[in-house]
């Protein structure tokens, strides 16, 4: 078995988390070997007893064999692959395995991530309508999370403008959340790139979305926050982007608007305010 295949199998197995996979990967690379038995894998991963029992039972089950066969039909990117994005490699907790559908080559393109409130206001919509169209001729990739509100509208607008777009989701590639974005997710899959860290069939879970956000923050060169409440998920993504040494820019808003509090706080802390499309383009010079 190749190390890449082992990594994919570990990712699909129950009971083996990110920390355990990382220990196994480092051991195999250091010793130039590929572990094959469940006993060896549990020992190197240092799994606690309940997780070890779950992993060993699943590793030899018919369910696991079926899952491996099912995922072979997908495009899979691992941290061992030559085209694994350097930006993601250098980010916080880089994903070891990602499942892809669509244009894999977009991973290497220059990306503007857009995040914002799920309850997007007419102001947020007007801001995107004003800021994104002038970017079309420069072919920036618009990356977002296919959530309700700002994310979904950013993808819709990108598709209308023929801008490449990447959707990073917190479910399996065969699951749409929110369900209202099912058609949009299909369009992103068809004309852009759809990315998930989770196996097929994975339903939305609360912890999936911060994990998804770290991928968005890792892939992009610049992250723009359109609208955000105080202590919102968008601000968490912005902080992750800052930790990754990415540019963070924000659309200012009225001081009495709840959905502008987060953006105004970012600007007060040093983020660049976005007043027109040129302020976005400046972040990518001389790349574009």
Protein backbone atom coordinates (compact mmCIF):
# COMPACT_ATOMS: atom_id res chain seq x y z
CA UNK A 1 0.00 0.00 0.00
CA UNK A 2 1.24 3.51 -0.82
CA UNK A 3 1.39 6.15 1.91
CA UNK A 4 -1.15 8.26 0.03
CA UNK A 5 -3.63 5.38 0.00
CA UNK A 6 -3.06 4.78 3.70
CA UNK A 7 -3.76 8.45 4.44
CA UNK A 8 -7.08 8.31 2.56
CA UNK A 9 -8.08 5.10 4.33
CA UNK A 10 -7.25 6.61 7.72
CA UNK A 11 -9.35 9.64 6.88
CA UNK A 12 -12.34 7.42 6.12
CA UNK A 13 -11.97 5.22 9.21
CA UNK A 14 -13.95 5.90 12.35
CA UNK A 15 -11.97 6.60 15.49
CA UNK A 16 -8.89 8.12 13.83
CA UNK A 17 -8.82 11.90 14.09
CA UNK A 18 -6.54 14.61 12.76
CA UNK A 19 -3.97 14.27 15.55
CA UNK A 20 -3.70 10.52 15.13
CA UNK A 21 -3.39 10.78 11.36
CA UNK A 22 -0.65 13.37 11.72
CA UNK A 23 1.34 11.09 14.04
CA UNK A 24 1.04 8.19 11.61
CA UNK A 25 2.04 10.36 8.65
CA UNK A 26 5.11 11.74 10.41
CA UNK A 27 6.17 8.26 11.54
CA UNK A 28 5.87 6.81 8.05
CA UNK A 29 7.77 9.69 6.47
CA UNK A 30 10.52 9.55 9.08
CA UNK A 31 10.98 5.79 8.82
CA UNK A 32 10.20 5.56 5.09
CA UNK A 33 7.61 2.88 5.66
CA UNK A 34 3.87 2.35 5.36
CA UNK A 35 2.08 0.80 8.33
CA UNK A 36 -0.53 -1.77 7.41
CA UNK A 37 -1.99 -3.37 10.52
CA UNK A 38 -4.58 -1.82 12.79
CA UNK A 39 -2.46 -2.66 15.82
CA UNK A 40 0.54 -0.74 14.45
CA UNK A 41 -1.62 2.22 13.47
CA UNK A 42 -3.27 2.45 16.89
CA UNK A 43 0.09 2.28 18.64
CA UNK A 44 1.72 4.98 16.51
CA UNK A 45 -1.37 7.23 16.64
CA UNK A 46 -1.53 6.77 20.42
CA UNK A 47 -5.28 6.47 20.32
CA UNK A 48 -7.10 6.37 23.67
CA UNK A 49 -8.76 3.05 24.43
CA UNK A 50 -12.35 3.91 23.28
CA UNK A 51 -11.12 5.44 20.00
CA UNK A 52 -8.71 2.54 19.46
CA UNK A 53 -11.48 -0.02 19.89
CA UNK A 54 -13.72 1.90 17.48
CA UNK A 55 -10.94 2.21 14.91
CA UNK A 56 -9.90 -1.45 15.03
CA UNK A 57 -13.49 -2.63 14.66
CA UNK A 58 -14.16 -0.29 11.73
CA UNK A 59 -10.83 -0.96 9.94
CA UNK A 60 -11.83 -4.58 9.36
CA UNK A 61 -15.55 -4.03 8.74
CA UNK A 62 -17.58 -4.40 5.55
CA UNK A 63 -18.80 -0.80 6.02
CA UNK A 64 -15.24 0.47 5.78
CA UNK A 65 -14.48 -1.50 2.62
CA UNK A 66 -17.65 -0.11 1.02
CA UNK A 67 -16.71 3.45 2.01
CA UNK A 68 -13.25 3.07 0.46
CA UNK A 69 -14.74 1.77 -2.79
CA UNK A 70 -17.35 4.54 -2.86
CA UNK A 71 -14.78 7.31 -2.49
CA UNK A 72 -12.48 5.99 -5.22
CA UNK A 73 -14.84 7.59 -7.74
CA UNK A 74 -14.09 11.05 -6.30
CA UNK A 75 -11.16 13.33 -7.02
CA UNK A 76 -9.04 13.28 -3.86
CA UNK A 77 -6.33 15.74 -2.89
CA UNK A 78 -3.89 14.80 -0.14
CA UNK A 79 -1.14 16.75 1.55
CA UNK A 80 1.31 14.42 -0.22
CA UNK A 81 0.21 15.49 -3.73
CA UNK A 82 2.37 17.75 -5.88
CA UNK A 83 -0.48 20.20 -6.53
CA UNK A 84 -1.43 20.60 -2.87
CA UNK A 85 -1.60 24.42 -2.52
CA UNK A 86 1.41 25.94 -0.77
CA UNK A 87 -0.87 28.52 0.85
CA UNK A 88 -2.86 25.71 2.47
CA UNK A 89 0.30 23.79 3.41
CA UNK A 90 1.50 26.79 5.39
CA UNK A 91 -1.84 27.45 7.08
CA UNK A 92 -3.18 26.49 10.49
CA UNK A 93 -3.91 22.74 10.69
CA UNK A 94 -3.67 22.07 6.94
CA UNK A 95 -6.19 19.38 5.92
CA UNK A 96 -4.56 16.04 5.18
CA UNK A 97 -7.27 14.86 2.77
CA UNK A 98 -9.78 16.83 0.72
CA UNK A 99 -12.52 15.60 -1.60
CA UNK A 100 -13.00 17.62 -4.79
CA UNK A 101 -15.53 18.00 -7.57
CA UNK A 102 -14.92 20.36 -10.47
CA UNK A 103 -11.92 22.33 -11.67
CA UNK A 104 -8.99 21.16 -9.58
CA UNK A 105 -6.68 23.66 -11.27
CA UNK A 106 -8.45 26.53 -9.46
CA UNK A 107 -6.57 25.53 -6.31
CA UNK A 108 -3.47 27.17 -7.78
CA UNK A 109 -5.25 30.40 -8.80
CA UNK A 110 -5.26 33.74 -6.98
CA UNK A 111 -8.19 33.75 -4.58
CA UNK A 112 -10.32 36.39 -2.87
CA UNK A 113 -12.30 34.83 -0.03
CA UNK A 114 -15.59 36.51 0.83
CA UNK A 115 -17.36 35.90 4.12
CA UNK A 116 -20.21 37.64 5.87
CA UNK A 117 -23.52 37.37 7.64
CA UNK A 118 -26.03 34.62 6.95
CA UNK A 119 -28.74 37.27 7.42
CA UNK A 120 -27.31 39.49 4.70
CA UNK A 121 -28.94 42.91 4.50
CA UNK A 122 -29.77 44.90 1.36
CA UNK A 123 -26.65 46.96 2.17
CA UNK A 124 -24.45 43.86 2.00
CA UNK A 125 -26.03 42.89 -1.31
CA UNK A 126 -25.48 46.39 -2.73
CA UNK A 127 -21.85 46.30 -1.58
CA UNK A 128 -21.16 43.05 -3.44
CA UNK A 129 -23.06 44.29 -6.51
CA UNK A 130 -20.77 47.30 -6.61
CA UNK A 131 -17.48 45.62 -5.73
CA UNK A 132 -17.44 42.35 -7.70
CA UNK A 133 -18.33 43.24 -11.33
CA UNK A 134 -15.10 45.23 -11.96
CA UNK A 135 -13.11 42.15 -10.85
CA UNK A 136 -14.47 40.02 -13.70
CA UNK A 137 -11.82 41.08 -16.22
CA UNK A 138 -9.05 40.14 -13.78
CA UNK A 139 -10.39 36.60 -13.21
CA UNK A 140 -9.87 36.49 -9.48
CA UNK A 141 -11.25 33.29 -7.98
CA UNK A 142 -14.04 33.97 -5.50
CA UNK A 143 -13.84 31.54 -2.58
CA UNK A 144 -16.53 31.18 0.06
CA UNK A 145 -18.43 28.66 2.17
CA UNK A 146 -21.72 28.15 0.30
CA UNK A 147 -23.65 29.16 3.40
CA UNK A 148 -26.86 31.16 3.41
CA UNK A 149 -26.64 34.92 2.95
CA UNK A 150 -23.33 36.51 1.98
CA UNK A 151 -21.56 33.28 0.99
CA UNK A 152 -24.29 32.11 -1.32
CA UNK A 153 -24.74 35.51 -2.92
CA UNK A 154 -20.98 35.85 -3.52
CA UNK A 155 -21.03 32.52 -5.40
CA UNK A 156 -24.16 33.50 -7.37
CA UNK A 157 -22.66 36.81 -8.41
CA UNK A 158 -19.36 35.18 -9.36
CA UNK A 159 -21.18 32.70 -11.60
CA UNK A 160 -23.17 35.51 -13.24
CA UNK A 161 -19.94 37.41 -13.91
CA UNK A 162 -18.13 34.30 -15.21
CA UNK A 163 -15.68 34.59 -12.35
CA UNK A 164 -14.20 31.27 -11.22
CA UNK A 165 -15.54 30.28 -7.82
CA UNK A 166 -14.63 27.76 -5.11
CA UNK A 167 -17.11 26.53 -2.52
CA UNK A 168 -15.75 24.97 0.66
CA UNK A 169 -18.55 23.12 2.46
CA UNK A 170 -18.99 21.61 5.89
CA UNK A 171 -20.77 18.45 4.73
CA UNK A 172 -20.07 15.59 2.37
CA UNK A 173 -20.02 16.53 -1.31
CA UNK A 174 -23.37 14.78 -1.76
CA UNK A 175 -25.10 16.81 0.96
CA UNK A 176 -26.35 20.39 0.57
CA UNK A 177 -26.62 22.74 3.56
CA UNK A 178 -28.66 24.81 3.63
CA UNK A 179 -30.91 22.81 1.37
CA UNK A 180 -32.00 25.95 -0.46
CA UNK A 181 -28.46 26.13 -1.90
CA UNK A 182 -28.66 22.71 -3.54
CA UNK A 183 -28.97 24.16 -7.04
CA UNK A 184 -26.20 26.67 -6.37
CA UNK A 185 -23.94 23.91 -5.09
CA UNK A 186 -24.52 22.00 -8.31
CA UNK A 187 -23.56 25.09 -10.34
CA UNK A 188 -20.36 25.59 -8.35
CA UNK A 189 -19.54 21.92 -8.90
CA UNK A 190 -20.17 22.26 -12.63
CA UNK A 191 -18.44 25.57 -13.36
CA UNK A 192 -16.05 26.00 -10.43
CA UNK A 193 -14.70 23.78 -7.69
CA UNK A 194 -16.41 22.17 -4.71
CA UNK A 195 -14.26 21.15 -1.74
CA UNK A 196 -15.04 19.13 1.38
CA UNK A 197 -12.94 17.62 4.12
CA UNK A 198 -15.74 15.23 5.01
CA UNK A 199 -16.65 11.81 3.56
CA UNK A 200 -19.75 11.32 1.46
CA UNK A 201 -22.93 11.29 3.49
CA UNK A 202 -21.56 13.54 6.23
CA UNK A 203 -24.33 15.73 7.63
CA UNK A 204 -23.79 19.27 8.93
CA UNK A 205 -22.36 19.45 12.45
CA UNK A 206 -21.51 22.49 14.55
CA UNK A 207 -17.78 21.76 14.67
CA UNK A 208 -17.58 21.29 10.89
CA UNK A 209 -17.98 24.99 10.15
CA UNK A 210 -14.98 26.38 12.06
CA UNK A 211 -12.98 23.57 10.45
CA UNK A 212 -14.28 24.58 7.03
CA UNK A 213 -13.46 28.23 7.77
CA UNK A 214 -9.80 27.42 8.38
CA UNK A 215 -9.63 25.99 4.84
CA UNK A 216 -11.15 29.14 3.36
CA UNK A 217 -8.68 31.25 5.34
CA UNK A 218 -5.82 29.01 4.22
CA UNK A 219 -6.61 28.93 0.50
CA UNK A 220 -6.99 32.65 -0.12
CA UNK A 221 -4.48 35.44 -0.54
CA UNK A 222 -6.95 38.08 0.71
CA UNK A 223 -10.12 37.71 2.77
CA UNK A 224 -12.93 40.27 2.62
CA UNK A 225 -15.57 40.53 5.33
CA UNK A 226 -18.76 42.12 4.03
CA UNK A 227 -21.05 42.10 7.07
CA UNK A 228 -20.47 40.52 10.48
CA UNK A 229 -21.93 40.61 13.94
CA UNK A 230 -19.68 40.97 16.94
CA UNK A 231 -18.13 37.57 17.86
CA UNK A 232 -19.44 36.03 14.62
CA UNK A 233 -18.09 33.14 12.59
CA UNK A 234 -16.91 35.60 9.96
CA UNK A 235 -14.64 37.25 12.52
CA UNK A 236 -13.26 33.84 13.50
CA UNK A 237 -12.41 33.25 9.83
CA UNK A 238 -10.81 36.70 9.63
CA UNK A 239 -8.67 35.94 12.68
CA UNK A 240 -7.59 32.64 11.12
CA UNK A 241 -6.63 34.51 7.96
CA UNK A 242 -4.56 36.96 10.01
CA UNK A 243 -2.80 34.06 11.74
CA UNK A 244 -1.97 32.76 8.26
CA UNK A 245 -0.50 36.17 7.30
CA UNK A 246 -3.28 36.82 4.80
CA UNK A 247 -4.59 40.26 3.92
CA UNK A 248 -7.88 41.00 5.67
CA UNK A 249 -10.10 43.77 4.35
CA UNK A 250 -13.58 44.80 5.46
CA UNK A 251 -16.58 46.70 4.15
CA UNK A 252 -17.41 49.49 6.65
CA UNK A 253 -20.98 50.13 7.67
CA UNK A 254 -23.19 52.37 9.80
CA UNK A 255 -22.12 52.51 13.44
CA UNK A 256 -25.65 51.63 14.58
CA UNK A 257 -26.03 48.58 12.30
CA UNK A 258 -25.62 45.25 14.21
CA UNK A 259 -24.25 43.51 11.10
CA UNK A 260 -21.56 46.16 10.62
CA UNK A 261 -20.16 45.96 14.15
CA UNK A 262 -17.73 43.18 13.28
CA UNK A 263 -16.44 44.89 10.13
CA UNK A 264 -16.03 48.23 11.88
CA UNK A 265 -14.14 46.51 14.71
CA UNK A 266 -11.78 44.89 12.19
CA UNK A 267 -11.13 48.26 10.59
CA UNK A 268 -10.52 49.87 14.00
CA UNK A 269 -7.99 47.09 14.68
CA UNK A 270 -6.11 47.80 11.44
CA UNK A 271 -7.95 46.01 8.64
CA UNK A 272 -8.12 47.93 5.38
CA UNK A 273 -11.56 49.46 4.69
CA UNK A 274 -13.01 48.63 1.28
CA UNK A 275 -14.67 51.69 -0.24
CA UNK A 276 -14.46 50.67 -3.89
CA UNK A 277 -13.23 47.82 -6.11
CA UNK A 278 -9.78 49.40 -6.45
CA UNK A 279 -9.15 48.76 -2.79
CA UNK A 280 -9.57 45.04 -3.51
CA UNK A 281 -7.37 45.04 -6.60
CA UNK A 282 -4.57 46.81 -4.70
CA UNK A 283 -4.27 43.77 -2.43
CA UNK A 284 -3.30 41.58 -5.38
CA UNK A 285 -0.80 43.82 -7.17
CA UNK A 286 1.43 42.96 -8.97
CA UNK A 287 -0.13 39.48 -9.25
CA UNK A 288 -3.07 40.63 -11.38
